[in-house]
Amino acid sequence: MAQQFTQPADKACTIKVIYCTRIRYQLGYDAGPYSVCNNMLGVLSEPCARVMEAFQAF
């Protein structure tokens, strides 16, 4: 999980994924971050999808 995201888009997506993950736990979502983030923030560009996969364990 110690990956370095060098592209600005990757960094922005990482922030959004963390934000979505927090929302997911606060609101008690059981769905994965893909559906939650797609519905709430629409972050599923290709770079975001790669970052999302890195956060699937959360």
C-alpha atoms as a PDB file:
ATOM      1  CA  MET A   1       0.000   0.000   0.000  1.00  0.00           C
ATOM      2  CA  ALA A   2       3.071   2.219   0.015  1.00  0.00           C
ATOM      3  CA  GLN A   3       2.611   3.251  -3.582  1.00  0.00           C
ATOM      4  CA  GLN A   4       3.609   6.714  -4.720  1.00  0.00           C
ATOM      5  CA  PHE A   5       1.084   8.362  -7.016  1.00  0.00           C
ATOM      6  CA  THR A   6       3.034  10.745  -9.196  1.00  0.00           C
ATOM      7  CA  GLN A   7       0.283  12.113 -11.406  1.00  0.00           C
ATOM      8  CA  PRO A   8      -1.801  14.996  -9.978  1.00  0.00           C
ATOM      9  CA  ALA A   9      -4.945  13.143 -11.009  1.00  0.00           C
ATOM     10  CA  ASP A  10      -3.869  10.141  -8.953  1.00  0.00           C
ATOM     11  CA  LYS A  11      -3.289  12.322  -5.899  1.00  0.00           C
ATOM     12  CA  ALA A  12      -6.677  13.985  -6.300  1.00  0.00           C
ATOM     13  CA  CYS A  13      -8.333  10.607  -6.689  1.00  0.00           C
ATOM     14  CA  THR A  14      -6.583   9.260  -3.617  1.00  0.00           C
ATOM     15  CA  ILE A  15      -7.978  12.128  -1.569  1.00  0.00           C
ATOM     16  CA  LYS A  16     -11.457  11.471  -2.960  1.00  0.00           C
ATOM     17  CA  VAL A  17     -11.192   7.754  -2.255  1.00  0.00           C
ATOM     18  CA  ILE A  18     -10.198   8.401   1.350  1.00  0.00           C
ATOM     19  CA  TYR A  19     -13.076  10.869   1.659  1.00  0.00           C
ATOM     20  CA  CYS A  20     -15.517   8.360   0.173  1.00  0.00           C
ATOM     21  CA  THR A  21     -14.253   5.617   2.443  1.00  0.00           C
ATOM     22  CA  ARG A  22     -14.862   7.815   5.485  1.00  0.00           C
ATOM     23  CA  ILE A  23     -18.355   8.660   4.262  1.00  0.00           C
ATOM     24  CA  ARG A  24     -19.024   4.992   3.664  1.00  0.00           C
ATOM     25  CA  TYR A  25     -18.199   4.070   7.240  1.00  0.00           C
ATOM     26  CA  GLN A  26     -19.948   7.068   8.758  1.00  0.00           C
ATOM     27  CA  LEU A  27     -23.171   6.315   6.899  1.00  0.00           C
ATOM     28  CA  GLY A  28     -22.893   2.558   7.325  1.00  0.00           C
ATOM     29  CA  TYR A  29     -22.681   1.654   3.652  1.00  0.00           C
ATOM     30  CA  ASP A  30     -21.986  -1.991   2.960  1.00  0.00           C
ATOM     31  CA  ALA A  31     -21.411  -1.379  -0.725  1.00  0.00           C
ATOM     32  CA  GLY A  32     -17.853  -1.173  -1.991  1.00  0.00           C
ATOM     33  CA  PRO A  33     -16.153   2.189  -2.575  1.00  0.00           C
ATOM     34  CA  TYR A  34     -16.769   1.884  -6.330  1.00  0.00           C
ATOM     35  CA  SER A  35     -20.538   2.269  -6.091  1.00  0.00           C
ATOM     36  CA  VAL A  36     -20.482   4.737  -3.202  1.00  0.00           C
ATOM     37  CA  CYS A  37     -17.942   7.050  -4.804  1.00  0.00           C
ATOM     38  CA  ASN A  38     -19.489   6.731  -8.234  1.00  0.00           C
ATOM     39  CA  ASN A  39     -22.863   7.771  -6.841  1.00  0.00           C
ATOM     40  CA  MET A  40     -21.644  10.545  -4.545  1.00  0.00           C
ATOM     41  CA  LEU A  41     -18.667  12.072  -6.329  1.00  0.00           C
ATOM     42  CA  GLY A  42     -18.420  10.496  -9.766  1.00  0.00           C
ATOM     43  CA  VAL A  43     -14.696   9.812  -9.421  1.00  0.00           C
ATOM     44  CA  LEU A  44     -14.447   6.766 -11.660  1.00  0.00           C
ATOM     45  CA  SER A  45     -12.098   7.971 -14.329  1.00  0.00           C
ATOM     46  CA  GLU A  46      -9.439   5.452 -15.349  1.00  0.00           C
ATOM     47  CA  PRO A  47      -6.792   6.812 -12.925  1.00  0.00           C
ATOM     48  CA  CYS A  48      -9.380   6.870 -10.162  1.00  0.00           C
ATOM     49  CA  ALA A  49     -10.337   3.278 -10.815  1.00  0.00           C
ATOM     50  CA  ARG A  50      -6.740   2.210 -10.256  1.00  0.00           C
ATOM     51  CA  VAL A  51      -6.576   4.150  -7.002  1.00  0.00           C
ATOM     52  CA  MET A  52      -9.906   2.688  -5.914  1.00  0.00           C
ATOM     53  CA  GLU A  53      -8.542  -0.810  -6.304  1.00  0.00           C
ATOM     54  CA  ALA A  54      -5.690   0.081  -3.974  1.00  0.00           C
ATOM     55  CA  PHE A  55      -8.260   1.066  -1.354  1.00  0.00           C
ATOM     56  CA  GLN A  56     -10.538  -1.958  -1.751  1.00  0.00           C
ATOM     57  CA  ALA A  57      -9.123  -3.426   1.467  1.00  0.00           C
ATOM     58  CA  PHE A  58     -10.602  -0.594   3.553  1.00  0.00           C
END
